[in-house]
Amino acid sequence: MIENYENKSLIGAVNLSKTFNKQKVLKNVSIDFNAGERISLSGPNGAGKTTLIRCILGQYTYEGELNVLGLNPQKHHEDIMKEVGFVPQIPPPLKMTVKEMFDFFSKLTDTPSENFLKISTDLGLMVKDNYKKPFLKLSGGMKQKLLVAFALGRNPKILLMDEPSANLDPKAREVFFDYLKNYDKDTLMILSSHRISEISVLVNRAVEMDLGEVIIDKKI
């Protein structure tokens, strides 16, 4: 059971490490992310940003301690994902049709599909014209708009977004950032992006990683 964690640490890591093929890509990371924070997670390729996000999502095993909403992300993956909106850097190769995805996410998150439909439409996606198409057959921009809609429309406690605007056209990017500016003030928002200037007006904390370590962590 997930408690009400407002004004508390929603994500906490202590000596979090991850190794691939004998190479340590996360090195004893200790950090807390709190309700209401808007965080830019930056760093060069290979810094460990995406690996940290995937540990938080319960997709990787790891060493050290990690809790998300007071739970272990590996043991309680499904419970946690009901409260996390996630936009991946690379869209998954889902064979579900667009209509099936709307039904799936609506049932999974107990969210009216109209919420997702409105955001998708605002982003410029003609959803009903594409209902029968498999997700993996959509263009990169269309996939991104859908994933953003499914993340934002459910009003999660945590928003994790890995290069979320990379495939969005200029108009959709403008709409997307307007949504973020006006989002629930209690939601923890973590934006991993190479476009720091683009997200600078949104964030109140900057975390920079390099070679698997946090090298900068400051409030803005």
N, C-alpha and C. Protein backbone atom coordinates (compact mmCIF):
# COMPACT_ATOMS: atom_id res chain seq x y z
N MET A 1 0.84 -1.19 0.00
CA MET A 1 0.00 0.00 0.00
C MET A 1 0.88 1.24 0.00
N ILE A 2 0.67 2.13 -0.96
CA ILE A 2 1.44 3.36 -1.05
C ILE A 2 0.79 4.43 -0.19
N GLU A 3 1.59 5.03 0.68
CA GLU A 3 1.09 6.06 1.57
C GLU A 3 1.04 7.40 0.85
N ASN A 4 0.48 8.41 1.54
CA ASN A 4 0.54 9.78 1.05
C ASN A 4 1.90 10.35 1.40
N TYR A 5 2.73 10.56 0.39
CA TYR A 5 4.10 10.98 0.63
C TYR A 5 4.34 12.45 0.32
N GLU A 6 3.29 13.27 0.32
CA GLU A 6 3.47 14.68 0.02
C GLU A 6 4.44 15.30 1.01
N ASN A 7 5.30 16.17 0.47
CA ASN A 7 6.30 16.88 1.28
C ASN A 7 7.32 15.94 1.91
N LYS A 8 7.47 14.77 1.35
CA LYS A 8 8.46 13.83 1.81
C LYS A 8 9.31 13.38 0.63
N SER A 9 10.34 12.59 0.94
CA SER A 9 11.15 12.00 -0.12
C SER A 9 10.32 10.95 -0.85
N LEU A 10 10.17 11.11 -2.15
CA LEU A 10 9.43 10.13 -2.94
C LEU A 10 10.37 9.07 -3.51
N ILE A 11 11.62 9.47 -3.75
CA ILE A 11 12.64 8.55 -4.23
C ILE A 11 13.88 8.74 -3.38
N GLY A 12 14.39 7.65 -2.82
CA GLY A 12 15.59 7.74 -2.00
C GLY A 12 16.59 6.65 -2.37
N ALA A 13 17.83 7.05 -2.64
CA ALA A 13 18.89 6.10 -2.97
C ALA A 13 20.05 6.27 -1.99
N VAL A 14 20.59 5.14 -1.54
CA VAL A 14 21.75 5.14 -0.66
C VAL A 14 22.77 4.17 -1.22
N ASN A 15 23.94 4.69 -1.59
CA ASN A 15 25.02 3.87 -2.16
C ASN A 15 24.52 2.98 -3.31
N LEU A 16 23.72 3.58 -4.19
CA LEU A 16 23.16 2.85 -5.33
C LEU A 16 24.23 2.65 -6.40
N SER A 17 24.44 1.39 -6.78
CA SER A 17 25.44 1.07 -7.79
C SER A 17 24.86 0.09 -8.80
N LYS A 18 25.35 0.19 -10.03
CA LYS A 18 24.95 -0.73 -11.08
C LYS A 18 26.15 -1.03 -11.97
N THR A 19 26.36 -2.32 -12.25
CA THR A 19 27.51 -2.74 -13.04
C THR A 19 27.04 -3.51 -14.27
N PHE A 20 27.61 -3.17 -15.43
CA PHE A 20 27.39 -3.90 -16.66
C PHE A 20 28.74 -4.41 -17.17
N ASN A 21 28.84 -5.72 -17.36
CA ASN A 21 30.08 -6.29 -17.91
C ASN A 21 31.32 -5.78 -17.18
N LYS A 22 31.25 -5.83 -15.86
CA LYS A 22 32.35 -5.44 -14.98
C LYS A 22 32.64 -3.93 -14.97
N GLN A 23 31.82 -3.17 -15.69
CA GLN A 23 31.99 -1.71 -15.69
C GLN A 23 30.89 -1.09 -14.83
N LYS A 24 31.30 -0.29 -13.84
CA LYS A 24 30.36 0.33 -12.92
C LYS A 24 29.79 1.59 -13.55
N VAL A 25 28.51 1.57 -13.88
CA VAL A 25 27.90 2.73 -14.54
C VAL A 25 27.16 3.63 -13.55
N LEU A 26 26.84 3.11 -12.37
CA LEU A 26 26.40 3.92 -11.23
C LEU A 26 27.33 3.61 -10.08
N LYS A 27 27.86 4.65 -9.43
CA LYS A 27 28.89 4.46 -8.41
C LYS A 27 28.45 5.06 -7.07
N ASN A 28 27.82 4.24 -6.25
CA ASN A 28 27.47 4.64 -4.88
C ASN A 28 26.72 5.96 -4.84
N VAL A 29 25.66 6.04 -5.63
CA VAL A 29 24.84 7.26 -5.69
C VAL A 29 23.92 7.31 -4.48
N SER A 30 23.98 8.40 -3.74
CA SER A 30 23.08 8.64 -2.61
C SER A 30 22.38 9.97 -2.84
N ILE A 31 21.06 9.92 -2.97
CA ILE A 31 20.31 11.13 -3.30
C ILE A 31 18.84 10.93 -2.96
N ASP A 32 18.15 12.03 -2.67
CA ASP A 32 16.71 12.01 -2.44
C ASP A 32 16.04 12.97 -3.42
N PHE A 33 14.89 12.55 -3.92
CA PHE A 33 14.06 13.41 -4.76
C PHE A 33 12.71 13.56 -4.05
N ASN A 34 12.24 14.80 -3.93
CA ASN A 34 11.12 15.09 -3.06
C ASN A 34 9.88 15.59 -3.80
N ALA A 35 8.74 15.45 -3.14
CA ALA A 35 7.47 15.91 -3.71
C ALA A 35 7.57 17.39 -4.06
N GLY A 36 7.05 17.75 -5.22
CA GLY A 36 7.01 19.15 -5.63
C GLY A 36 8.26 19.64 -6.31
N GLU A 37 9.32 18.84 -6.35
CA GLU A 37 10.55 19.28 -7.00
C GLU A 37 10.44 19.11 -8.52
N ARG A 38 11.03 20.07 -9.24
CA ARG A 38 11.17 20.02 -10.70
C ARG A 38 12.67 19.93 -10.97
N ILE A 39 13.12 18.76 -11.37
CA ILE A 39 14.56 18.48 -11.41
C ILE A 39 15.04 18.27 -12.84
N SER A 40 16.11 18.98 -13.20
CA SER A 40 16.79 18.69 -14.47
C SER A 40 17.90 17.69 -14.16
N LEU A 41 17.85 16.57 -14.86
CA LEU A 41 18.87 15.53 -14.70
C LEU A 41 19.72 15.56 -15.97
N SER A 42 20.94 16.06 -15.84
CA SER A 42 21.76 16.27 -17.02
C SER A 42 23.09 15.55 -16.91
N GLY A 43 23.84 15.59 -18.01
CA GLY A 43 25.15 14.94 -18.07
C GLY A 43 25.39 14.37 -19.44
N PRO A 44 26.64 14.11 -19.79
CA PRO A 44 26.96 13.57 -21.12
C PRO A 44 26.46 12.14 -21.29
N ASN A 45 26.50 11.65 -22.52
CA ASN A 45 26.16 10.25 -22.77
C ASN A 45 27.07 9.36 -21.94
N GLY A 46 26.48 8.35 -21.31
CA GLY A 46 27.26 7.45 -20.46
C GLY A 46 27.42 7.93 -19.04
N ALA A 47 26.75 9.04 -18.69
CA ALA A 47 26.88 9.58 -17.33
C ALA A 47 26.15 8.73 -16.29
N GLY A 48 25.13 7.96 -16.73
CA GLY A 48 24.37 7.13 -15.81
C GLY A 48 22.94 7.58 -15.61
N LYS A 49 22.49 8.59 -16.36
CA LYS A 49 21.16 9.14 -16.18
C LYS A 49 20.07 8.10 -16.46
N THR A 50 20.14 7.49 -17.64
CA THR A 50 19.11 6.52 -18.02
C THR A 50 19.18 5.28 -17.13
N THR A 51 20.36 4.88 -16.72
CA THR A 51 20.50 3.73 -15.82
C THR A 51 19.85 4.02 -14.48
N LEU A 52 20.04 5.23 -13.96
CA LEU A 52 19.38 5.62 -12.71
C LEU A 52 17.87 5.56 -12.87
N ILE A 53 17.36 6.09 -13.96
CA ILE A 53 15.91 6.08 -14.20
C ILE A 53 15.39 4.64 -14.27
N ARG A 54 16.12 3.77 -14.94
CA ARG A 54 15.65 2.39 -15.08
C ARG A 54 15.72 1.62 -13.77
N CYS A 55 16.66 1.97 -12.91
CA CYS A 55 16.67 1.38 -11.56
C CYS A 55 15.43 1.84 -10.78
N ILE A 56 15.11 3.11 -10.88
CA ILE A 56 13.93 3.66 -10.20
C ILE A 56 12.67 2.96 -10.68
N LEU A 57 12.62 2.63 -11.96
CA LEU A 57 11.44 1.97 -12.54
C LEU A 57 11.40 0.48 -12.25
N GLY A 58 12.47 -0.06 -11.64
CA GLY A 58 12.49 -1.48 -11.32
C GLY A 58 12.88 -2.35 -12.49
N GLN A 59 13.48 -1.75 -13.52
CA GLN A 59 13.86 -2.50 -14.71
C GLN A 59 15.23 -3.16 -14.58
N TYR A 60 16.04 -2.69 -13.65
CA TYR A 60 17.37 -3.24 -13.44
C TYR A 60 17.55 -3.72 -12.00
N THR A 61 18.34 -4.77 -11.84
CA THR A 61 18.84 -5.11 -10.51
C THR A 61 19.95 -4.12 -10.17
N TYR A 62 20.28 -4.00 -8.90
CA TYR A 62 21.28 -3.02 -8.48
C TYR A 62 21.84 -3.41 -7.12
N GLU A 63 22.88 -2.72 -6.74
CA GLU A 63 23.44 -2.86 -5.40
C GLU A 63 23.15 -1.59 -4.61
N GLY A 64 23.06 -1.72 -3.29
CA GLY A 64 22.73 -0.57 -2.47
C GLY A 64 21.25 -0.53 -2.16
N GLU A 65 20.78 0.62 -1.70
CA GLU A 65 19.38 0.76 -1.30
C GLU A 65 18.67 1.75 -2.22
N LEU A 66 17.42 1.43 -2.54
CA LEU A 66 16.60 2.30 -3.36
C LEU A 66 15.14 2.11 -2.97
N ASN A 67 14.46 3.19 -2.65
CA ASN A 67 13.02 3.08 -2.42
C ASN A 67 12.29 4.15 -3.22
N VAL A 68 11.13 3.77 -3.72
CA VAL A 68 10.28 4.66 -4.50
C VAL A 68 8.91 4.63 -3.87
N LEU A 69 8.45 5.78 -3.38
CA LEU A 69 7.18 5.85 -2.67
C LEU A 69 7.16 4.88 -1.49
N GLY A 70 8.33 4.72 -0.88
CA GLY A 70 8.45 3.85 0.29
C GLY A 70 8.53 2.38 -0.01
N LEU A 71 8.63 2.02 -1.29
CA LEU A 71 8.63 0.62 -1.69
C LEU A 71 9.89 0.27 -2.47
N ASN A 72 10.22 -1.02 -2.49
CA ASN A 72 11.32 -1.54 -3.28
C ASN A 72 10.85 -1.65 -4.74
N PRO A 73 11.52 -0.95 -5.68
CA PRO A 73 11.02 -0.94 -7.07
C PRO A 73 11.07 -2.27 -7.78
N GLN A 74 11.88 -3.21 -7.29
CA GLN A 74 11.90 -4.53 -7.91
C GLN A 74 10.78 -5.42 -7.37
N LYS A 75 10.55 -5.34 -6.08
CA LYS A 75 9.54 -6.19 -5.46
C LYS A 75 8.12 -5.65 -5.66
N HIS A 76 8.00 -4.34 -5.85
CA HIS A 76 6.68 -3.72 -5.93
C HIS A 76 6.54 -2.90 -7.21
N HIS A 77 7.06 -3.45 -8.30
CA HIS A 77 7.09 -2.74 -9.58
C HIS A 77 5.69 -2.29 -10.02
N GLU A 78 4.72 -3.19 -9.98
CA GLU A 78 3.38 -2.85 -10.48
C GLU A 78 2.72 -1.77 -9.64
N ASP A 79 2.84 -1.85 -8.32
CA ASP A 79 2.26 -0.84 -7.45
C ASP A 79 2.86 0.53 -7.72
N ILE A 80 4.17 0.56 -7.88
CA ILE A 80 4.87 1.83 -8.11
C ILE A 80 4.49 2.42 -9.46
N MET A 81 4.40 1.58 -10.49
CA MET A 81 4.13 2.09 -11.83
C MET A 81 2.73 2.68 -11.96
N LYS A 82 1.85 2.35 -11.05
CA LYS A 82 0.52 2.98 -11.05
C LYS A 82 0.60 4.44 -10.67
N GLU A 83 1.70 4.81 -10.02
CA GLU A 83 1.87 6.19 -9.54
C GLU A 83 2.98 6.94 -10.27
N VAL A 84 3.54 6.32 -11.31
CA VAL A 84 4.65 6.94 -12.04
C VAL A 84 4.27 7.13 -13.51
N GLY A 85 4.40 8.36 -13.99
CA GLY A 85 4.26 8.63 -15.41
C GLY A 85 5.64 8.64 -16.03
N PHE A 86 5.86 7.83 -17.05
CA PHE A 86 7.20 7.66 -17.62
C PHE A 86 7.19 7.88 -19.11
N VAL A 87 8.11 8.72 -19.59
CA VAL A 87 8.32 8.91 -21.02
C VAL A 87 9.74 8.46 -21.33
N PRO A 88 9.92 7.33 -22.03
CA PRO A 88 11.26 6.80 -22.30
C PRO A 88 11.95 7.56 -23.43
N GLN A 89 13.25 7.45 -23.48
CA GLN A 89 14.03 8.07 -24.56
C GLN A 89 13.76 7.37 -25.88
N ILE A 90 13.65 6.05 -25.83
CA ILE A 90 13.38 5.25 -27.02
C ILE A 90 12.03 4.57 -26.85
N PRO A 91 11.04 4.88 -27.70
CA PRO A 91 9.72 4.27 -27.57
C PRO A 91 9.78 2.75 -27.65
N PRO A 92 9.02 2.03 -26.84
CA PRO A 92 9.04 0.56 -26.89
C PRO A 92 8.35 0.06 -28.16
N PRO A 93 8.75 -1.11 -28.66
CA PRO A 93 8.17 -1.65 -29.90
C PRO A 93 6.85 -2.39 -29.64
N LEU A 94 5.86 -1.65 -29.19
CA LEU A 94 4.58 -2.27 -28.82
C LEU A 94 3.75 -2.60 -30.06
N LYS A 95 3.16 -3.79 -30.05
CA LYS A 95 2.33 -4.22 -31.17
C LYS A 95 0.87 -3.84 -30.98
N MET A 96 0.51 -3.37 -29.79
CA MET A 96 -0.87 -2.95 -29.53
C MET A 96 -1.26 -1.82 -30.48
N THR A 97 -2.53 -1.77 -30.85
CA THR A 97 -3.02 -0.63 -31.62
C THR A 97 -3.15 0.57 -30.69
N VAL A 98 -3.31 1.73 -31.30
CA VAL A 98 -3.49 2.96 -30.51
C VAL A 98 -4.73 2.82 -29.62
N LYS A 99 -5.81 2.28 -30.15
CA LYS A 99 -7.04 2.10 -29.36
C LYS A 99 -6.80 1.16 -28.20
N GLU A 100 -6.08 0.08 -28.43
CA GLU A 100 -5.78 -0.86 -27.35
C GLU A 100 -4.92 -0.21 -26.26
N MET A 101 -4.03 0.68 -26.67
CA MET A 101 -3.19 1.38 -25.69
C MET A 101 -4.02 2.32 -24.83
N PHE A 102 -4.97 3.00 -25.44
CA PHE A 102 -5.85 3.88 -24.66
C PHE A 102 -6.62 3.06 -23.63
N ASP A 103 -7.16 1.92 -24.05
CA ASP A 103 -7.92 1.07 -23.13
C ASP A 103 -7.02 0.52 -22.03
N PHE A 104 -5.81 0.12 -22.39
CA PHE A 104 -4.88 -0.46 -21.43
C PHE A 104 -4.49 0.55 -20.36
N PHE A 105 -4.05 1.74 -20.77
CA PHE A 105 -3.60 2.74 -19.81
C PHE A 105 -4.75 3.29 -18.97
N SER A 106 -5.92 3.36 -19.57
CA SER A 106 -7.09 3.82 -18.82
C SER A 106 -7.42 2.84 -17.69
N LYS A 107 -7.38 1.55 -17.99
CA LYS A 107 -7.67 0.53 -16.98
C LYS A 107 -6.55 0.44 -15.96
N LEU A 108 -5.30 0.48 -16.41
CA LEU A 108 -4.14 0.35 -15.52
C LEU A 108 -4.11 1.46 -14.48
N THR A 109 -4.42 2.68 -14.90
CA THR A 109 -4.27 3.84 -14.01
C THR A 109 -5.59 4.37 -13.49
N ASP A 110 -6.69 3.70 -13.85
CA ASP A 110 -8.02 4.14 -13.42
C ASP A 110 -8.24 5.60 -13.82
N THR A 111 -7.91 5.89 -15.08
CA THR A 111 -8.00 7.24 -15.63
C THR A 111 -8.93 7.23 -16.84
N PRO A 112 -9.86 8.18 -16.93
CA PRO A 112 -10.72 8.24 -18.12
C PRO A 112 -9.87 8.41 -19.38
N SER A 113 -10.18 7.67 -20.42
CA SER A 113 -9.40 7.75 -21.65
C SER A 113 -9.50 9.14 -22.27
N GLU A 114 -10.56 9.89 -21.92
CA GLU A 114 -10.71 11.26 -22.43
C GLU A 114 -9.55 12.15 -21.99
N ASN A 115 -8.98 11.88 -20.81
CA ASN A 115 -7.82 12.65 -20.35
C ASN A 115 -6.66 12.51 -21.33
N PHE A 116 -6.39 11.26 -21.72
CA PHE A 116 -5.30 11.00 -22.65
C PHE A 116 -5.62 11.56 -24.04
N LEU A 117 -6.88 11.46 -24.43
CA LEU A 117 -7.30 11.93 -25.74
C LEU A 117 -7.11 13.44 -25.87
N LYS A 118 -7.47 14.18 -24.80
CA LYS A 118 -7.36 15.64 -24.85
C LYS A 118 -5.90 16.07 -25.02
N ILE A 119 -5.01 15.47 -24.23
CA ILE A 119 -3.60 15.86 -24.32
C ILE A 119 -3.02 15.49 -25.68
N SER A 120 -3.35 14.30 -26.16
CA SER A 120 -2.88 13.87 -27.49
C SER A 120 -3.32 14.85 -28.57
N THR A 121 -4.59 15.25 -28.49
CA THR A 121 -5.14 16.18 -29.48
C THR A 121 -4.48 17.55 -29.36
N ASP A 122 -4.29 18.01 -28.13
CA ASP A 122 -3.62 19.31 -27.92
C ASP A 122 -2.21 19.30 -28.50
N LEU A 123 -1.56 18.13 -28.45
CA LEU A 123 -0.21 18.00 -28.99
C LEU A 123 -0.19 17.90 -30.52
N GLY A 124 -1.39 17.80 -31.10
CA GLY A 124 -1.48 17.78 -32.57
C GLY A 124 -1.62 16.41 -33.18
N LEU A 125 -1.95 15.39 -32.36
CA LEU A 125 -2.11 14.04 -32.88
C LEU A 125 -3.58 13.76 -33.17
N MET A 126 -3.88 13.38 -34.39
CA MET A 126 -5.24 13.02 -34.77
C MET A 126 -5.48 11.56 -34.36
N VAL A 127 -5.86 11.40 -33.10
CA VAL A 127 -5.93 10.07 -32.51
C VAL A 127 -6.90 9.16 -33.23
N LYS A 128 -8.11 9.64 -33.46
CA LYS A 128 -9.15 8.78 -34.02
C LYS A 128 -8.82 8.33 -35.44
N ASP A 129 -8.00 9.08 -36.13
CA ASP A 129 -7.57 8.67 -37.48
C ASP A 129 -6.55 7.54 -37.42
N ASN A 130 -6.01 7.32 -36.23
CA ASN A 130 -4.94 6.32 -36.08
C ASN A 130 -5.27 5.21 -35.09
N TYR A 131 -6.52 5.12 -34.67
CA TYR A 131 -6.93 4.14 -33.66
C TYR A 131 -6.52 2.72 -34.02
N LYS A 132 -6.64 2.35 -35.27
CA LYS A 132 -6.42 0.96 -35.67
C LYS A 132 -4.96 0.65 -35.99
N LYS A 133 -4.10 1.66 -35.96
CA LYS A 133 -2.69 1.43 -36.31
C LYS A 133 -1.92 0.87 -35.12
N PRO A 134 -1.02 -0.10 -35.35
CA PRO A 134 -0.14 -0.57 -34.27
C PRO A 134 0.79 0.57 -33.86
N PHE A 135 1.06 0.65 -32.57
CA PHE A 135 1.94 1.70 -32.06
C PHE A 135 3.28 1.71 -32.77
N LEU A 136 3.85 0.53 -33.02
CA LEU A 136 5.19 0.46 -33.61
C LEU A 136 5.22 0.94 -35.05
N LYS A 137 4.05 1.10 -35.68
CA LYS A 137 4.00 1.58 -37.07
C LYS A 137 3.87 3.10 -37.14
N LEU A 138 3.72 3.77 -36.01
CA LEU A 138 3.58 5.22 -36.00
C LEU A 138 4.93 5.89 -36.21
N SER A 139 4.90 7.14 -36.62
CA SER A 139 6.14 7.91 -36.75
C SER A 139 6.70 8.20 -35.36
N GLY A 140 7.97 8.61 -35.31
CA GLY A 140 8.59 8.91 -34.02
C GLY A 140 7.86 10.01 -33.27
N GLY A 141 7.43 11.05 -33.98
CA GLY A 141 6.71 12.14 -33.34
C GLY A 141 5.37 11.71 -32.79
N MET A 142 4.65 10.87 -33.53
CA MET A 142 3.34 10.39 -33.07
C MET A 142 3.49 9.51 -31.84
N LYS A 143 4.51 8.65 -31.84
CA LYS A 143 4.76 7.81 -30.67
C LYS A 143 5.03 8.68 -29.43
N GLN A 144 5.86 9.71 -29.63
CA GLN A 144 6.22 10.56 -28.50
C GLN A 144 5.01 11.29 -27.94
N LYS A 145 4.13 11.77 -28.81
CA LYS A 145 2.93 12.48 -28.36
C LYS A 145 2.03 11.56 -27.54
N LEU A 146 1.90 10.32 -27.98
CA LEU A 146 1.08 9.37 -27.23
C LEU A 146 1.70 9.07 -25.87
N LEU A 147 3.00 8.83 -25.83
CA LEU A 147 3.66 8.50 -24.57
C LEU A 147 3.59 9.67 -23.59
N VAL A 148 3.74 10.89 -24.10
CA VAL A 148 3.59 12.07 -23.25
C VAL A 148 2.17 12.15 -22.69
N ALA A 149 1.19 11.90 -23.55
CA ALA A 149 -0.21 11.95 -23.10
C ALA A 149 -0.50 10.91 -22.03
N PHE A 150 0.02 9.70 -22.19
CA PHE A 150 -0.22 8.65 -21.20
C PHE A 150 0.49 8.95 -19.88
N ALA A 151 1.61 9.66 -19.94
CA ALA A 151 2.33 10.02 -18.72
C ALA A 151 1.64 11.16 -17.98
N LEU A 152 1.28 12.22 -18.71
CA LEU A 152 0.71 13.40 -18.08
C LEU A 152 -0.75 13.23 -17.68
N GLY A 153 -1.49 12.46 -18.45
CA GLY A 153 -2.94 12.39 -18.26
C GLY A 153 -3.39 11.66 -17.02
N ARG A 154 -2.50 10.93 -16.38
CA ARG A 154 -2.90 10.10 -15.25
C ARG A 154 -2.68 10.78 -13.89
N ASN A 155 -2.13 11.99 -13.89
CA ASN A 155 -1.87 12.74 -12.66
C ASN A 155 -1.06 11.92 -11.65
N PRO A 156 0.13 11.49 -12.02
CA PRO A 156 0.93 10.62 -11.15
C PRO A 156 1.63 11.40 -10.04
N LYS A 157 2.12 10.69 -9.05
CA LYS A 157 2.92 11.31 -7.99
C LYS A 157 4.32 11.65 -8.49
N ILE A 158 4.80 10.87 -9.47
CA ILE A 158 6.14 11.05 -10.02
C ILE A 158 6.06 11.07 -11.55
N LEU A 159 6.72 12.06 -12.16
CA LEU A 159 6.88 12.09 -13.61
C LEU A 159 8.36 11.91 -13.93
N LEU A 160 8.68 10.86 -14.65
CA LEU A 160 10.06 10.59 -15.08
C LEU A 160 10.11 10.69 -16.59
N MET A 161 10.91 11.62 -17.10
CA MET A 161 10.91 11.85 -18.54
C MET A 161 12.33 11.91 -19.07
N ASP A 162 12.64 10.98 -19.98
CA ASP A 162 13.99 10.84 -20.54
C ASP A 162 13.98 11.39 -21.96
N GLU A 163 14.51 12.59 -22.14
CA GLU A 163 14.51 13.29 -23.43
C GLU A 163 13.08 13.33 -24.01
N PRO A 164 12.12 13.85 -23.25
CA PRO A 164 10.71 13.74 -23.67
C PRO A 164 10.33 14.57 -24.87
N SER A 165 11.07 15.65 -25.17
CA SER A 165 10.69 16.52 -26.29
C SER A 165 11.49 16.26 -27.55
N ALA A 166 12.33 15.23 -27.52
CA ALA A 166 13.28 15.00 -28.62
C ALA A 166 12.61 14.84 -29.98
N ASN A 167 11.47 14.17 -30.04
CA ASN A 167 10.80 13.90 -31.32
C ASN A 167 9.56 14.76 -31.55
N LEU A 168 9.39 15.78 -30.73
CA LEU A 168 8.21 16.63 -30.87
C LEU A 168 8.49 17.79 -31.82
N ASP A 169 7.52 18.13 -32.65
CA ASP A 169 7.63 19.30 -33.52
C ASP A 169 7.52 20.56 -32.66
N PRO A 170 7.91 21.73 -33.19
CA PRO A 170 7.93 22.95 -32.38
C PRO A 170 6.60 23.29 -31.70
N LYS A 171 5.50 23.13 -32.42
CA LYS A 171 4.19 23.44 -31.83
C LYS A 171 3.87 22.48 -30.69
N ALA A 172 4.10 21.19 -30.90
CA ALA A 172 3.85 20.20 -29.85
C ALA A 172 4.75 20.44 -28.66
N ARG A 173 6.00 20.84 -28.91
CA ARG A 173 6.92 21.12 -27.82
C ARG A 173 6.42 22.27 -26.95
N GLU A 174 5.87 23.28 -27.61
CA GLU A 174 5.32 24.43 -26.89
C GLU A 174 4.15 24.01 -26.00
N VAL A 175 3.25 23.20 -26.56
CA VAL A 175 2.10 22.71 -25.79
C VAL A 175 2.56 21.85 -24.63
N PHE A 176 3.53 20.98 -24.89
CA PHE A 176 4.07 20.08 -23.86
C PHE A 176 4.61 20.87 -22.68
N PHE A 177 5.42 21.89 -22.95
CA PHE A 177 6.00 22.66 -21.86
C PHE A 177 4.96 23.51 -21.13
N ASP A 178 3.92 23.92 -21.82
CA ASP A 178 2.82 24.61 -21.13
C ASP A 178 2.14 23.68 -20.13
N TYR A 179 1.96 22.42 -20.53
CA TYR A 179 1.39 21.44 -19.61
C TYR A 179 2.28 21.28 -18.38
N LEU A 180 3.58 21.19 -18.59
CA LEU A 180 4.49 21.01 -17.46
C LEU A 180 4.48 22.22 -16.52
N LYS A 181 4.42 23.41 -17.10
CA LYS A 181 4.41 24.63 -16.29
C LYS A 181 3.21 24.67 -15.35
N ASN A 182 2.10 24.12 -15.82
CA ASN A 182 0.85 24.19 -15.05
C ASN A 182 0.49 22.89 -14.36
N TYR A 183 1.46 22.00 -14.23
CA TYR A 183 1.18 20.68 -13.67
C TYR A 183 1.02 20.73 -12.16
N ASP A 184 0.39 19.71 -11.61
CA ASP A 184 0.17 19.59 -10.16
C ASP A 184 1.45 19.92 -9.40
N LYS A 185 1.37 20.90 -8.50
CA LYS A 185 2.56 21.39 -7.79
C LYS A 185 3.17 20.34 -6.87
N ASP A 186 2.43 19.32 -6.50
CA ASP A 186 2.96 18.29 -5.59
C ASP A 186 3.67 17.15 -6.31
N THR A 187 3.52 17.10 -7.62
CA THR A 187 4.16 16.02 -8.39
C THR A 187 5.66 16.23 -8.46
N LEU A 188 6.41 15.17 -8.20
CA LEU A 188 7.86 15.18 -8.41
C LEU A 188 8.11 14.98 -9.90
N MET A 189 8.85 15.91 -10.50
CA MET A 189 9.10 15.87 -11.93
C MET A 189 10.62 15.80 -12.17
N ILE A 190 11.06 14.76 -12.87
CA ILE A 190 12.48 14.60 -13.20
C ILE A 190 12.61 14.59 -14.72
N LEU A 191 13.32 15.59 -15.25
CA LEU A 191 13.50 15.74 -16.69
C LEU A 191 14.95 15.50 -17.05
N SER A 192 15.20 14.41 -17.75
CA SER A 192 16.55 14.15 -18.26
C SER A 192 16.61 14.67 -19.68
N SER A 193 17.47 15.67 -19.92
CA SER A 193 17.48 16.30 -21.23
C SER A 193 18.85 16.89 -21.54
N HIS A 194 19.21 16.86 -22.83
CA HIS A 194 20.40 17.56 -23.29
C HIS A 194 20.08 19.02 -23.59
N ARG A 195 18.79 19.33 -23.67
CA ARG A 195 18.37 20.70 -23.99
C ARG A 195 18.11 21.46 -22.68
N ILE A 196 19.16 21.75 -21.96
CA ILE A 196 19.03 22.36 -20.64
C ILE A 196 18.35 23.73 -20.73
N SER A 197 18.68 24.51 -21.76
CA SER A 197 18.08 25.84 -21.89
C SER A 197 16.57 25.75 -22.06
N GLU A 198 16.11 24.66 -22.66
CA GLU A 198 14.69 24.48 -22.93
C GLU A 198 13.90 24.22 -21.65
N ILE A 199 14.51 23.53 -20.69
CA ILE A 199 13.78 23.18 -19.47
C ILE A 199 14.15 24.06 -18.28
N SER A 200 15.07 25.01 -18.49
CA SER A 200 15.57 25.80 -17.36
C SER A 200 14.47 26.60 -16.65
N VAL A 201 13.47 27.04 -17.41
CA VAL A 201 12.40 27.85 -16.79
C VAL A 201 11.45 26.99 -15.97
N LEU A 202 11.53 25.68 -16.13
CA LEU A 202 10.62 24.78 -15.42
C LEU A 202 11.16 24.29 -14.08
N VAL A 203 12.49 24.19 -13.99
CA VAL A 203 13.08 23.42 -12.88
C VAL A 203 13.45 24.30 -11.69
N ASN A 204 13.47 23.66 -10.51
CA ASN A 204 13.91 24.35 -9.28
C ASN A 204 15.09 23.63 -8.63
N ARG A 205 15.60 22.61 -9.32
CA ARG A 205 16.77 21.89 -8.81
C ARG A 205 17.52 21.28 -9.98
N ALA A 206 18.82 21.39 -9.97
CA ALA A 206 19.65 20.85 -11.05
C ALA A 206 20.55 19.75 -10.51
N VAL A 207 20.46 18.58 -11.12
CA VAL A 207 21.32 17.45 -10.76
C VAL A 207 22.10 17.06 -12.02
N GLU A 208 23.41 17.08 -11.91
CA GLU A 208 24.25 16.71 -13.05
C GLU A 208 25.07 15.47 -12.69
N MET A 209 25.13 14.53 -13.64
CA MET A 209 25.88 13.31 -13.44
C MET A 209 27.02 13.20 -14.44
N ASP A 210 28.06 12.49 -14.06
CA ASP A 210 29.15 12.17 -14.97
C ASP A 210 29.84 10.91 -14.47
N LEU A 211 30.09 9.99 -15.38
CA LEU A 211 30.77 8.74 -15.06
C LEU A 211 30.15 8.01 -13.86
N GLY A 212 28.81 8.03 -13.83
CA GLY A 212 28.10 7.26 -12.82
C GLY A 212 27.97 7.91 -11.45
N GLU A 213 28.37 9.17 -11.34
CA GLU A 213 28.30 9.86 -10.06
C GLU A 213 27.56 11.19 -10.20
N VAL A 214 26.96 11.64 -9.09
CA VAL A 214 26.36 12.96 -9.05
C VAL A 214 27.46 13.97 -8.75
N ILE A 215 27.70 14.88 -9.71
CA ILE A 215 28.78 15.84 -9.52
C ILE A 215 28.27 17.24 -9.16
N ILE A 216 26.99 17.51 -9.47
CA ILE A 216 26.36 18.78 -9.09
C ILE A 216 24.95 18.49 -8.62
N ASP A 217 24.56 19.08 -7.51
CA ASP A 217 23.20 18.97 -7.00
C ASP A 217 22.89 20.29 -6.30
N LYS A 218 22.11 21.13 -6.96
CA LYS A 218 21.87 22.46 -6.40
C LYS A 218 20.43 22.91 -6.68
N LYS A 219 19.90 23.71 -5.76
CA LYS A 219 18.59 24.32 -5.96
C LYS A 219 18.77 25.54 -6.86
N ILE A 220 17.74 25.84 -7.61
CA ILE A 220 17.78 26.97 -8.55
C ILE A 220 16.77 28.02 -8.11
